[in-house]
């Protein structure tokens, strides 16, 4: 209506992108420090999934003197608390409002290398995965999966209540995407049905040329 102000609310949404079909795959027992902070692909069997827990990604602070608010990002579980606000110049006058903080779902997953990758007489190697948002609850124990993610290393703390770090590091994979390796599943069908060739190579289902023309 004329003379009436209109308020346009901008809603921001996170866009999650997945990466599939990397050209090379790394065995779990072959992961080395040289792979840290690199995008890698590994294959294995899920043996354990943790409960889904919330993790703070952005903290909301409000000044108790002037009411000014401010968001602070969280880096590796640490929040850089504001010391003062520009409006009132008062120091250490902030309080955190948990109801307006931003949280995401987090889940730990442990996978074990496939039986055909285990050398004779050796113990199966394992690696921990860290999944967020849409990747949470996407796999179950017993699933054969391909994981694409970034190999990370985080320093261990000597004491939980102190900031002093140890020279030892924990390694994990920050999950970008999951892929199922069960080659007998394709939209509830088996590779022997009409239009599908039972010849399977590298976990890929081979289609006849007629079906390929319809699909692609």
N, C-alpha and C. Protein backbone atom coordinates (compact mmCIF):
# COMPACT_ATOMS: atom_id res chain seq x y z
N UNK A 1 0.84 -1.19 0.00
CA UNK A 1 0.00 0.00 0.00
C UNK A 1 0.87 1.24 0.00
N UNK A 2 0.45 2.36 -0.67
CA UNK A 2 1.23 3.57 -0.73
C UNK A 2 1.43 4.15 0.67
N UNK A 3 2.65 4.63 0.93
CA UNK A 3 2.96 5.24 2.21
C UNK A 3 3.25 4.25 3.31
N UNK A 4 3.18 2.99 3.02
CA UNK A 4 3.43 1.96 4.03
C UNK A 4 4.74 1.26 3.70
N UNK A 5 5.63 1.27 4.68
CA UNK A 5 6.95 0.67 4.46
C UNK A 5 6.85 -0.84 4.42
N UNK A 6 7.67 -1.39 3.63
CA UNK A 6 7.70 -2.84 3.51
C UNK A 6 9.06 -3.34 3.96
N UNK A 7 9.03 -4.41 4.70
CA UNK A 7 10.26 -5.01 5.23
C UNK A 7 10.56 -6.29 4.48
N UNK A 8 11.74 -6.34 3.93
CA UNK A 8 12.16 -7.51 3.19
C UNK A 8 13.16 -8.27 4.05
N UNK A 9 12.83 -9.46 4.37
CA UNK A 9 13.69 -10.29 5.21
C UNK A 9 14.51 -11.21 4.32
N UNK A 10 15.81 -11.11 4.46
CA UNK A 10 16.73 -11.94 3.69
C UNK A 10 17.05 -13.19 4.51
N UNK A 11 16.77 -14.33 3.96
CA UNK A 11 17.03 -15.59 4.64
C UNK A 11 18.19 -16.28 3.94
N UNK A 12 19.23 -16.52 4.70
CA UNK A 12 20.41 -17.18 4.15
C UNK A 12 20.33 -18.67 4.43
N UNK A 13 20.67 -19.46 3.44
CA UNK A 13 20.65 -20.91 3.57
C UNK A 13 22.01 -21.46 3.20
N UNK A 14 22.43 -22.48 3.96
CA UNK A 14 23.69 -23.14 3.66
C UNK A 14 23.48 -24.15 2.53
N UNK A 15 24.32 -24.09 1.54
CA UNK A 15 24.26 -25.02 0.42
C UNK A 15 25.34 -26.07 0.62
N UNK A 16 24.94 -27.33 0.72
CA UNK A 16 25.87 -28.43 0.94
C UNK A 16 26.19 -29.10 -0.39
N UNK A 17 27.46 -29.15 -0.72
CA UNK A 17 27.90 -29.77 -1.96
C UNK A 17 28.64 -31.07 -1.66
N UNK A 18 28.37 -32.10 -2.45
CA UNK A 18 29.05 -33.37 -2.29
C UNK A 18 29.97 -33.66 -3.46
N UNK A 19 31.07 -34.32 -3.18
CA UNK A 19 32.04 -34.69 -4.22
C UNK A 19 32.06 -36.20 -4.32
N UNK A 20 31.98 -36.72 -5.53
CA UNK A 20 31.96 -38.16 -5.75
C UNK A 20 32.96 -38.53 -6.84
N UNK A 21 33.30 -39.82 -6.86
CA UNK A 21 34.11 -40.41 -7.94
C UNK A 21 35.48 -39.73 -8.10
N UNK A 22 36.23 -39.66 -7.00
CA UNK A 22 37.61 -39.22 -7.13
C UNK A 22 38.40 -40.25 -7.93
N UNK A 23 39.38 -39.79 -8.65
CA UNK A 23 40.12 -40.67 -9.55
C UNK A 23 40.93 -41.71 -8.78
N UNK A 24 41.48 -41.32 -7.63
CA UNK A 24 42.32 -42.24 -6.86
C UNK A 24 41.73 -42.45 -5.48
N UNK A 25 41.93 -43.66 -4.95
CA UNK A 25 41.47 -44.00 -3.61
C UNK A 25 42.66 -44.46 -2.77
N UNK A 26 42.67 -44.08 -1.50
CA UNK A 26 43.77 -44.41 -0.59
C UNK A 26 43.32 -45.47 0.40
N UNK A 27 44.16 -46.43 0.67
CA UNK A 27 43.84 -47.43 1.69
C UNK A 27 43.99 -46.81 3.07
N UNK A 28 43.19 -47.29 4.01
CA UNK A 28 43.22 -46.71 5.36
C UNK A 28 44.60 -46.85 5.99
N UNK A 29 45.23 -48.01 5.84
CA UNK A 29 46.52 -48.21 6.47
C UNK A 29 47.65 -47.45 5.76
N UNK A 30 47.35 -46.86 4.61
CA UNK A 30 48.37 -46.11 3.89
C UNK A 30 48.28 -44.59 4.12
N UNK A 31 47.36 -44.15 4.99
CA UNK A 31 47.25 -42.74 5.30
C UNK A 31 48.50 -42.26 6.03
N UNK A 32 49.10 -41.19 5.54
CA UNK A 32 50.34 -40.67 6.09
C UNK A 32 50.19 -39.19 6.43
N UNK A 33 51.13 -38.63 7.22
CA UNK A 33 51.08 -37.19 7.51
C UNK A 33 51.08 -36.32 6.26
N UNK A 34 51.62 -36.83 5.15
CA UNK A 34 51.63 -36.04 3.92
C UNK A 34 50.21 -35.82 3.39
N UNK A 35 49.25 -36.66 3.82
CA UNK A 35 47.87 -36.53 3.36
C UNK A 35 47.06 -35.52 4.17
N UNK A 36 47.61 -34.99 5.26
CA UNK A 36 46.87 -34.07 6.12
C UNK A 36 46.50 -32.81 5.35
N UNK A 37 45.25 -32.38 5.54
CA UNK A 37 44.66 -31.20 4.88
C UNK A 37 44.50 -31.39 3.37
N UNK A 38 44.45 -32.66 2.93
CA UNK A 38 44.21 -32.95 1.52
C UNK A 38 42.89 -33.70 1.37
N UNK A 39 42.25 -33.51 0.21
CA UNK A 39 41.02 -34.22 -0.11
C UNK A 39 41.38 -35.64 -0.54
N UNK A 40 40.81 -36.62 0.15
CA UNK A 40 41.14 -38.01 -0.12
C UNK A 40 39.87 -38.83 -0.24
N UNK A 41 40.03 -40.04 -0.75
CA UNK A 41 38.94 -41.00 -0.84
C UNK A 41 39.40 -42.32 -0.24
N UNK A 42 38.61 -42.88 0.67
CA UNK A 42 38.92 -44.18 1.26
C UNK A 42 37.67 -45.05 1.23
N UNK A 43 37.90 -46.37 1.30
CA UNK A 43 36.80 -47.32 1.31
C UNK A 43 36.93 -48.22 2.53
N UNK A 44 35.78 -48.55 3.11
CA UNK A 44 35.81 -49.39 4.29
C UNK A 44 34.42 -49.80 4.73
N UNK A 45 34.35 -50.43 5.91
CA UNK A 45 33.11 -50.92 6.48
C UNK A 45 32.84 -50.17 7.78
N UNK A 46 31.64 -49.66 7.93
CA UNK A 46 31.26 -48.93 9.15
C UNK A 46 31.14 -49.91 10.30
N UNK A 47 31.83 -49.64 11.42
CA UNK A 47 31.76 -50.52 12.57
C UNK A 47 31.15 -49.84 13.79
N UNK A 48 31.06 -48.50 13.76
CA UNK A 48 30.50 -47.81 14.92
C UNK A 48 30.03 -46.43 14.53
N UNK A 49 28.87 -46.01 15.09
CA UNK A 49 28.34 -44.66 14.89
C UNK A 49 27.95 -44.09 16.25
N UNK A 50 28.37 -42.88 16.51
CA UNK A 50 28.04 -42.25 17.78
C UNK A 50 26.65 -41.62 17.72
N UNK A 51 26.18 -41.18 18.87
CA UNK A 51 24.94 -40.42 18.91
C UNK A 51 25.17 -39.06 18.25
N UNK A 52 24.08 -38.46 17.77
CA UNK A 52 24.15 -37.13 17.16
C UNK A 52 24.14 -36.08 18.27
N UNK A 53 25.12 -35.19 18.24
CA UNK A 53 25.23 -34.14 19.25
C UNK A 53 25.31 -32.78 18.56
N UNK A 54 24.83 -31.72 19.22
CA UNK A 54 24.94 -30.38 18.63
C UNK A 54 26.31 -29.78 18.89
N UNK A 55 26.80 -29.03 17.93
CA UNK A 55 28.07 -28.31 18.10
C UNK A 55 27.86 -26.85 17.71
N UNK A 56 28.35 -25.96 18.55
CA UNK A 56 28.17 -24.53 18.30
C UNK A 56 29.10 -24.07 17.19
N UNK A 57 28.53 -23.38 16.20
CA UNK A 57 29.31 -22.83 15.10
C UNK A 57 29.45 -21.32 15.17
N UNK A 58 28.49 -20.66 15.81
CA UNK A 58 28.54 -19.22 15.96
C UNK A 58 27.89 -18.84 17.28
N UNK A 59 28.59 -18.03 18.10
CA UNK A 59 28.10 -17.63 19.42
C UNK A 59 27.53 -16.22 19.36
N UNK A 60 26.43 -16.01 20.06
CA UNK A 60 25.76 -14.71 20.08
C UNK A 60 25.99 -14.05 21.44
N UNK A 61 26.62 -12.86 21.43
CA UNK A 61 26.90 -12.12 22.65
C UNK A 61 26.12 -10.81 22.66
N UNK A 62 25.68 -10.41 23.86
CA UNK A 62 24.95 -9.15 24.02
C UNK A 62 25.56 -8.37 25.19
N UNK A 63 25.76 -7.07 24.99
CA UNK A 63 26.30 -6.21 26.03
C UNK A 63 25.20 -5.90 27.04
N UNK A 64 25.49 -6.08 28.34
CA UNK A 64 24.50 -5.83 29.38
C UNK A 64 24.37 -4.34 29.68
N UNK A 65 25.27 -3.51 29.15
CA UNK A 65 25.23 -2.07 29.40
C UNK A 65 24.42 -1.34 28.35
N UNK A 66 24.80 -1.55 27.06
CA UNK A 66 24.14 -0.80 25.98
C UNK A 66 23.23 -1.66 25.12
N UNK A 67 23.27 -2.98 25.29
CA UNK A 67 22.40 -3.86 24.54
C UNK A 67 22.91 -4.23 23.16
N UNK A 68 24.12 -3.79 22.80
CA UNK A 68 24.68 -4.13 21.50
C UNK A 68 24.94 -5.63 21.42
N UNK A 69 24.64 -6.22 20.28
CA UNK A 69 24.84 -7.66 20.09
C UNK A 69 25.90 -7.90 19.03
N UNK A 70 26.50 -9.08 19.11
CA UNK A 70 27.58 -9.42 18.18
C UNK A 70 27.70 -10.94 18.09
N UNK A 71 27.93 -11.43 16.86
CA UNK A 71 28.18 -12.85 16.64
C UNK A 71 29.70 -13.09 16.57
N UNK A 72 30.13 -14.19 17.18
CA UNK A 72 31.52 -14.59 17.12
C UNK A 72 31.61 -16.03 16.63
N UNK A 73 32.51 -16.26 15.69
CA UNK A 73 32.67 -17.61 15.18
C UNK A 73 33.41 -18.51 16.16
N UNK A 74 33.22 -19.81 15.99
CA UNK A 74 33.88 -20.81 16.82
C UNK A 74 34.92 -21.52 15.98
N UNK A 75 36.16 -21.52 16.46
CA UNK A 75 37.27 -22.14 15.73
C UNK A 75 37.85 -23.27 16.55
N UNK A 76 37.66 -24.51 16.06
CA UNK A 76 38.18 -25.71 16.71
C UNK A 76 37.72 -25.79 18.17
N UNK A 77 36.44 -25.48 18.39
CA UNK A 77 35.87 -25.59 19.72
C UNK A 77 36.17 -24.43 20.64
N UNK A 78 36.81 -23.40 20.13
CA UNK A 78 37.19 -22.25 20.96
C UNK A 78 36.46 -21.00 20.49
N UNK A 79 35.86 -20.27 21.44
CA UNK A 79 35.14 -19.04 21.13
C UNK A 79 35.99 -17.85 21.56
N UNK A 80 36.25 -16.94 20.63
CA UNK A 80 36.97 -15.71 20.97
C UNK A 80 35.96 -14.70 21.53
N UNK A 81 35.85 -14.67 22.84
CA UNK A 81 34.87 -13.81 23.49
C UNK A 81 35.25 -12.33 23.30
N UNK A 82 34.28 -11.48 23.00
CA UNK A 82 34.59 -10.05 22.83
C UNK A 82 34.99 -9.41 24.15
N UNK A 83 35.95 -8.50 24.08
CA UNK A 83 36.43 -7.82 25.29
C UNK A 83 35.62 -6.56 25.56
N UNK A 84 35.36 -5.76 24.51
CA UNK A 84 34.56 -4.55 24.68
C UNK A 84 33.72 -4.32 23.43
N UNK A 85 32.69 -3.47 23.55
CA UNK A 85 31.83 -3.11 22.44
C UNK A 85 32.11 -1.68 22.04
N UNK A 86 31.94 -1.39 20.75
CA UNK A 86 32.29 -0.07 20.24
C UNK A 86 31.37 1.02 20.76
N UNK A 87 30.13 0.70 21.07
CA UNK A 87 29.17 1.74 21.44
C UNK A 87 29.43 2.29 22.84
N UNK A 88 29.54 1.43 23.83
CA UNK A 88 29.65 1.91 25.22
C UNK A 88 31.08 1.85 25.75
N UNK A 89 31.98 1.16 25.06
CA UNK A 89 33.38 1.05 25.46
C UNK A 89 33.57 0.32 26.79
N UNK A 90 32.52 -0.26 27.31
CA UNK A 90 32.65 -1.00 28.57
C UNK A 90 33.34 -2.34 28.29
N UNK A 91 34.14 -2.77 29.23
CA UNK A 91 34.91 -4.01 29.05
C UNK A 91 34.32 -5.13 29.89
N UNK A 92 34.38 -6.33 29.32
CA UNK A 92 33.93 -7.55 29.98
C UNK A 92 32.49 -7.40 30.49
N UNK A 93 31.63 -6.86 29.63
CA UNK A 93 30.24 -6.64 30.01
C UNK A 93 29.28 -7.46 29.16
N UNK A 94 29.79 -8.48 28.50
CA UNK A 94 28.97 -9.26 27.58
C UNK A 94 28.39 -10.49 28.28
N UNK A 95 27.34 -11.00 27.73
CA UNK A 95 26.79 -12.28 28.15
C UNK A 95 26.35 -13.05 26.90
N UNK A 96 26.47 -14.37 26.96
CA UNK A 96 26.14 -15.19 25.81
C UNK A 96 24.68 -15.60 25.88
N UNK A 97 24.01 -15.55 24.73
CA UNK A 97 22.61 -15.95 24.62
C UNK A 97 22.56 -17.26 23.83
N UNK A 98 22.42 -18.37 24.54
CA UNK A 98 22.48 -19.67 23.89
C UNK A 98 21.30 -19.90 22.93
N UNK A 99 20.18 -19.25 23.18
CA UNK A 99 19.02 -19.44 22.32
C UNK A 99 19.23 -18.85 20.93
N UNK A 100 20.18 -17.92 20.77
CA UNK A 100 20.42 -17.29 19.48
C UNK A 100 21.74 -17.72 18.87
N UNK A 101 22.42 -18.66 19.51
CA UNK A 101 23.64 -19.20 18.93
C UNK A 101 23.28 -20.17 17.80
N UNK A 102 24.23 -20.39 16.91
CA UNK A 102 24.02 -21.27 15.76
C UNK A 102 24.68 -22.61 16.04
N UNK A 103 23.89 -23.69 15.93
CA UNK A 103 24.39 -25.03 16.18
C UNK A 103 24.21 -25.89 14.93
N UNK A 104 25.05 -26.91 14.80
CA UNK A 104 24.93 -27.90 13.74
C UNK A 104 25.02 -29.29 14.35
N UNK A 105 24.44 -30.27 13.64
CA UNK A 105 24.52 -31.66 14.09
C UNK A 105 25.91 -32.23 13.80
N UNK A 106 26.40 -33.03 14.73
CA UNK A 106 27.73 -33.64 14.58
C UNK A 106 27.65 -35.11 14.98
N UNK A 107 28.40 -35.94 14.26
CA UNK A 107 28.42 -37.37 14.56
C UNK A 107 29.80 -37.95 14.24
N UNK A 108 30.27 -38.81 15.14
CA UNK A 108 31.52 -39.55 14.90
C UNK A 108 31.20 -40.94 14.35
N UNK A 109 31.95 -41.33 13.33
CA UNK A 109 31.78 -42.64 12.71
C UNK A 109 33.16 -43.29 12.60
N UNK A 110 33.22 -44.57 12.92
CA UNK A 110 34.49 -45.30 12.78
C UNK A 110 34.33 -46.37 11.71
N UNK A 111 35.28 -46.41 10.79
CA UNK A 111 35.24 -47.42 9.74
C UNK A 111 36.51 -48.26 9.77
N UNK A 112 36.38 -49.45 9.26
CA UNK A 112 37.47 -50.43 9.22
C UNK A 112 37.74 -50.81 7.78
N UNK A 113 38.99 -51.08 7.47
CA UNK A 113 39.34 -51.42 6.09
C UNK A 113 38.67 -52.72 5.66
N UNK A 114 38.46 -52.84 4.36
CA UNK A 114 37.79 -54.00 3.80
C UNK A 114 38.64 -55.27 3.98
N UNK A 115 37.99 -56.44 4.07
CA UNK A 115 38.75 -57.68 4.29
C UNK A 115 39.81 -57.93 3.23
N UNK A 116 39.55 -57.57 1.96
CA UNK A 116 40.54 -57.85 0.92
C UNK A 116 41.71 -56.87 0.97
N UNK A 117 41.62 -55.82 1.81
CA UNK A 117 42.74 -54.88 1.96
C UNK A 117 43.62 -55.20 3.16
N UNK A 118 43.23 -56.21 3.95
CA UNK A 118 43.98 -56.55 5.17
C UNK A 118 45.07 -57.56 4.82
N UNK A 119 46.34 -57.25 5.06
CA UNK A 119 47.41 -58.23 4.82
C UNK A 119 47.24 -59.44 5.74
N UNK A 120 47.68 -60.56 5.28
CA UNK A 120 47.52 -61.79 6.04
C UNK A 120 48.22 -61.69 7.39
N UNK A 121 47.49 -62.01 8.45
CA UNK A 121 48.05 -61.98 9.79
C UNK A 121 48.04 -60.61 10.45
N UNK A 122 47.53 -59.59 9.78
CA UNK A 122 47.52 -58.24 10.32
C UNK A 122 46.16 -57.91 10.95
N UNK A 123 46.18 -56.94 11.87
CA UNK A 123 44.94 -56.45 12.48
C UNK A 123 44.31 -55.40 11.57
N UNK A 124 42.99 -55.40 11.39
CA UNK A 124 42.36 -54.40 10.52
C UNK A 124 42.63 -52.98 11.02
N UNK A 125 42.97 -52.10 10.09
CA UNK A 125 43.20 -50.69 10.43
C UNK A 125 41.87 -49.95 10.43
N UNK A 126 41.77 -48.95 11.30
CA UNK A 126 40.54 -48.16 11.41
C UNK A 126 40.87 -46.67 11.32
N UNK A 127 39.84 -45.88 11.06
CA UNK A 127 39.98 -44.43 11.04
C UNK A 127 38.65 -43.82 11.48
N UNK A 128 38.74 -42.68 12.14
CA UNK A 128 37.54 -41.99 12.63
C UNK A 128 37.10 -40.94 11.63
N UNK A 129 35.78 -40.86 11.42
CA UNK A 129 35.18 -39.86 10.54
C UNK A 129 34.40 -38.86 11.39
N UNK A 130 34.36 -37.61 10.93
CA UNK A 130 33.57 -36.58 11.59
C UNK A 130 32.59 -36.02 10.58
N UNK A 131 31.29 -36.26 10.82
CA UNK A 131 30.25 -35.86 9.88
C UNK A 131 29.39 -34.75 10.46
N UNK A 132 28.96 -33.83 9.57
CA UNK A 132 28.12 -32.71 9.98
C UNK A 132 26.88 -32.65 9.10
N UNK A 133 25.84 -31.99 9.64
CA UNK A 133 24.63 -31.61 8.90
C UNK A 133 24.02 -32.79 8.13
N UNK A 134 23.96 -32.68 6.80
CA UNK A 134 23.26 -33.68 5.98
C UNK A 134 23.96 -35.03 5.98
N UNK A 135 25.22 -35.10 6.36
CA UNK A 135 25.93 -36.38 6.40
C UNK A 135 25.68 -37.15 7.69
N UNK A 136 25.00 -36.53 8.65
CA UNK A 136 24.70 -37.20 9.91
C UNK A 136 23.63 -38.27 9.70
N UNK A 137 23.79 -39.42 10.32
CA UNK A 137 22.85 -40.55 10.23
C UNK A 137 22.67 -41.03 8.80
N UNK A 138 23.68 -40.86 7.97
CA UNK A 138 23.58 -41.29 6.57
C UNK A 138 24.10 -42.70 6.37
N UNK A 139 24.85 -43.23 7.35
CA UNK A 139 25.39 -44.59 7.25
C UNK A 139 25.08 -45.33 8.55
N UNK A 140 25.14 -46.66 8.47
CA UNK A 140 24.86 -47.53 9.60
C UNK A 140 25.98 -48.56 9.74
N UNK A 141 26.19 -49.10 10.95
CA UNK A 141 27.19 -50.17 11.12
C UNK A 141 26.91 -51.33 10.18
N UNK A 142 27.94 -51.79 9.50
CA UNK A 142 27.82 -52.86 8.52
C UNK A 142 27.80 -52.38 7.09
N UNK A 143 27.57 -51.08 6.87
CA UNK A 143 27.56 -50.55 5.50
C UNK A 143 28.97 -50.51 4.92
N UNK A 144 29.07 -50.92 3.66
CA UNK A 144 30.32 -50.77 2.92
C UNK A 144 30.26 -49.45 2.17
N UNK A 145 31.16 -48.54 2.48
CA UNK A 145 31.05 -47.18 1.97
C UNK A 145 32.38 -46.69 1.39
N UNK A 146 32.25 -45.67 0.56
CA UNK A 146 33.39 -44.88 0.11
C UNK A 146 33.23 -43.49 0.70
N UNK A 147 34.24 -43.02 1.37
CA UNK A 147 34.21 -41.72 2.03
C UNK A 147 35.14 -40.76 1.32
N UNK A 148 34.62 -39.59 0.99
CA UNK A 148 35.44 -38.52 0.45
C UNK A 148 35.45 -37.40 1.47
N UNK A 149 36.62 -36.97 1.86
CA UNK A 149 36.74 -35.94 2.88
C UNK A 149 38.15 -35.41 2.97
N UNK A 150 38.35 -34.53 3.94
CA UNK A 150 39.66 -33.91 4.16
C UNK A 150 40.29 -34.55 5.39
N UNK A 151 41.51 -35.02 5.22
CA UNK A 151 42.25 -35.65 6.32
C UNK A 151 42.76 -34.56 7.25
N UNK A 152 42.34 -34.62 8.51
CA UNK A 152 42.66 -33.57 9.48
C UNK A 152 43.52 -34.12 10.62
N UNK A 153 44.18 -33.20 11.33
CA UNK A 153 44.94 -33.54 12.53
C UNK A 153 44.69 -32.46 13.57
N UNK A 154 44.38 -32.87 14.79
CA UNK A 154 44.14 -31.92 15.87
C UNK A 154 45.03 -32.28 17.05
N UNK A 155 45.63 -31.27 17.65
CA UNK A 155 46.55 -31.49 18.77
C UNK A 155 45.78 -31.92 20.02
N UNK A 156 46.36 -32.82 20.77
CA UNK A 156 45.76 -33.29 22.02
C UNK A 156 46.14 -32.35 23.16
N UNK A 157 45.20 -32.15 24.08
CA UNK A 157 45.47 -31.31 25.25
C UNK A 157 46.04 -32.16 26.39
N UNK A 158 47.02 -31.60 27.10
CA UNK A 158 47.60 -32.32 28.24
C UNK A 158 46.57 -32.46 29.36
N UNK A 159 45.84 -31.38 29.61
CA UNK A 159 44.77 -31.39 30.61
C UNK A 159 43.54 -30.74 29.99
N UNK A 160 42.38 -31.30 30.24
CA UNK A 160 41.16 -30.81 29.59
C UNK A 160 40.84 -29.38 30.00
N UNK A 161 41.22 -28.96 31.21
CA UNK A 161 40.89 -27.62 31.68
C UNK A 161 41.90 -26.57 31.30
N UNK A 162 42.96 -26.94 30.59
CA UNK A 162 44.01 -25.99 30.23
C UNK A 162 44.16 -25.90 28.71
N UNK A 163 44.78 -24.82 28.26
CA UNK A 163 44.96 -24.61 26.83
C UNK A 163 46.28 -25.17 26.31
N UNK A 164 47.11 -25.70 27.21
CA UNK A 164 48.39 -26.26 26.79
C UNK A 164 48.16 -27.49 25.91
N UNK A 165 48.83 -27.53 24.76
CA UNK A 165 48.66 -28.63 23.83
C UNK A 165 49.83 -29.59 23.89
N UNK A 166 49.57 -30.82 23.53
CA UNK A 166 50.59 -31.85 23.49
C UNK A 166 51.20 -31.90 22.10
N UNK A 167 52.35 -32.57 22.01
CA UNK A 167 53.00 -32.70 20.70
C UNK A 167 52.39 -33.84 19.89
N UNK A 168 51.49 -34.61 20.51
CA UNK A 168 50.81 -35.69 19.79
C UNK A 168 49.52 -35.16 19.17
N UNK A 169 49.15 -35.76 18.04
CA UNK A 169 47.97 -35.31 17.30
C UNK A 169 47.02 -36.48 17.05
N UNK A 170 45.74 -36.16 17.13
CA UNK A 170 44.70 -37.11 16.71
C UNK A 170 44.35 -36.84 15.25
N UNK A 171 44.16 -37.88 14.48
CA UNK A 171 43.80 -37.71 13.07
C UNK A 171 42.38 -38.22 12.84
N UNK A 172 41.70 -37.59 11.91
CA UNK A 172 40.34 -37.97 11.55
C UNK A 172 40.07 -37.46 10.14
N UNK A 173 38.94 -37.86 9.59
CA UNK A 173 38.55 -37.40 8.25
C UNK A 173 37.29 -36.56 8.38
N UNK A 174 37.37 -35.33 7.92
CA UNK A 174 36.21 -34.43 7.88
C UNK A 174 35.39 -34.77 6.64
N UNK A 175 34.24 -35.39 6.83
CA UNK A 175 33.47 -35.98 5.73
C UNK A 175 32.88 -34.90 4.83
N UNK A 176 33.07 -35.09 3.52
CA UNK A 176 32.42 -34.26 2.51
C UNK A 176 31.21 -34.99 1.93
N UNK A 177 31.38 -36.29 1.63
CA UNK A 177 30.27 -37.07 1.10
C UNK A 177 30.50 -38.55 1.35
N UNK A 178 29.39 -39.30 1.38
CA UNK A 178 29.41 -40.75 1.49
C UNK A 178 28.93 -41.36 0.17
N UNK A 179 29.41 -42.58 -0.10
CA UNK A 179 28.91 -43.34 -1.23
C UNK A 179 28.84 -44.81 -0.84
N UNK A 180 27.73 -45.47 -1.16
CA UNK A 180 27.56 -46.88 -0.82
C UNK A 180 28.26 -47.75 -1.86
N UNK A 181 28.89 -48.81 -1.38
CA UNK A 181 29.64 -49.71 -2.26
C UNK A 181 28.90 -51.00 -2.54
N UNK A 182 27.66 -51.13 -2.08
CA UNK A 182 26.89 -52.36 -2.32
C UNK A 182 26.49 -52.41 -3.78
N UNK A 183 27.22 -53.18 -4.58
CA UNK A 183 27.00 -53.19 -6.03
C UNK A 183 25.74 -53.96 -6.42
N UNK A 184 25.08 -54.63 -5.46
CA UNK A 184 23.86 -55.36 -5.79
C UNK A 184 22.61 -54.52 -5.60
N UNK A 185 22.79 -53.25 -5.23
CA UNK A 185 21.64 -52.38 -5.02
C UNK A 185 21.60 -51.31 -6.10
N UNK A 186 20.47 -51.22 -6.76
CA UNK A 186 20.27 -50.10 -7.68
C UNK A 186 18.77 -49.81 -7.72
N UNK A 187 18.37 -48.89 -6.86
CA UNK A 187 16.96 -48.51 -6.74
C UNK A 187 16.10 -49.74 -6.45
N UNK A 188 16.63 -50.63 -5.58
CA UNK A 188 15.87 -51.80 -5.16
C UNK A 188 15.94 -52.95 -6.12
N UNK A 189 16.74 -52.84 -7.19
CA UNK A 189 16.81 -53.92 -8.18
C UNK A 189 18.16 -54.61 -8.09
N UNK A 190 18.33 -55.69 -8.85
CA UNK A 190 19.59 -56.41 -8.92
C UNK A 190 20.15 -56.27 -10.32
N UNK A 191 21.48 -56.43 -10.48
CA UNK A 191 22.10 -56.23 -11.79
C UNK A 191 21.67 -57.24 -12.85
N UNK A 192 20.89 -58.25 -12.50
CA UNK A 192 20.56 -59.28 -13.48
C UNK A 192 19.26 -58.95 -14.21
N UNK A 193 18.55 -57.89 -13.79
CA UNK A 193 17.29 -57.59 -14.42
C UNK A 193 17.48 -57.08 -15.85
N UNK A 194 16.35 -56.93 -16.56
CA UNK A 194 16.40 -56.53 -17.96
C UNK A 194 17.07 -55.18 -18.12
N UNK A 195 17.93 -55.10 -19.12
CA UNK A 195 18.59 -53.83 -19.42
C UNK A 195 19.85 -53.62 -18.63
N UNK A 196 20.20 -54.55 -17.76
CA UNK A 196 21.39 -54.38 -16.94
C UNK A 196 22.29 -55.59 -17.11
N UNK A 197 23.55 -55.35 -17.29
CA UNK A 197 24.51 -56.41 -17.51
C UNK A 197 25.06 -56.88 -16.18
N UNK A 198 25.18 -58.18 -15.99
CA UNK A 198 25.70 -58.72 -14.73
C UNK A 198 27.20 -58.57 -14.61
N UNK A 199 27.86 -58.11 -15.67
CA UNK A 199 29.29 -57.90 -15.62
C UNK A 199 29.58 -56.60 -14.85
N UNK A 200 30.11 -56.73 -13.63
CA UNK A 200 30.35 -55.57 -12.79
C UNK A 200 31.85 -55.39 -12.62
N UNK A 201 32.34 -54.19 -12.93
CA UNK A 201 33.75 -53.89 -12.80
C UNK A 201 33.93 -52.65 -11.95
N UNK A 202 34.84 -52.73 -10.98
CA UNK A 202 35.12 -51.60 -10.09
C UNK A 202 33.86 -51.08 -9.43
N UNK A 203 32.97 -52.00 -8.98
CA UNK A 203 31.74 -51.64 -8.28
C UNK A 203 30.80 -50.79 -9.13
N UNK A 204 30.87 -50.91 -10.44
CA UNK A 204 29.99 -50.16 -11.33
C UNK A 204 29.10 -51.12 -12.10
N UNK A 205 27.83 -50.76 -12.23
CA UNK A 205 26.88 -51.58 -12.99
C UNK A 205 26.95 -51.19 -14.45
N UNK A 206 27.13 -52.17 -15.33
CA UNK A 206 27.24 -51.92 -16.75
C UNK A 206 25.86 -52.03 -17.40
N UNK A 207 25.40 -50.98 -18.11
CA UNK A 207 24.12 -50.95 -18.76
C UNK A 207 24.28 -51.27 -20.24
N UNK A 208 23.20 -51.79 -20.83
CA UNK A 208 23.20 -51.98 -22.27
C UNK A 208 23.10 -50.62 -22.95
N UNK A 209 23.44 -50.58 -24.24
CA UNK A 209 23.42 -49.32 -24.98
C UNK A 209 22.01 -48.74 -25.05
N UNK A 210 20.98 -49.60 -25.14
CA UNK A 210 19.60 -49.12 -25.21
C UNK A 210 19.20 -48.39 -23.93
N UNK A 211 19.59 -48.95 -22.79
CA UNK A 211 19.27 -48.31 -21.51
C UNK A 211 20.06 -47.04 -21.34
N UNK A 212 21.32 -47.04 -21.78
CA UNK A 212 22.14 -45.83 -21.67
C UNK A 212 21.52 -44.67 -22.45
N UNK A 213 20.96 -44.98 -23.61
CA UNK A 213 20.33 -43.93 -24.41
C UNK A 213 19.12 -43.33 -23.69
N UNK A 214 18.37 -44.18 -22.98
CA UNK A 214 17.20 -43.70 -22.24
C UNK A 214 17.59 -42.89 -21.02
N UNK A 215 18.66 -43.33 -20.35
CA UNK A 215 19.05 -42.67 -19.10
C UNK A 215 19.86 -41.41 -19.33
N UNK A 216 20.73 -41.45 -20.33
CA UNK A 216 21.66 -40.35 -20.51
C UNK A 216 21.41 -39.59 -21.82
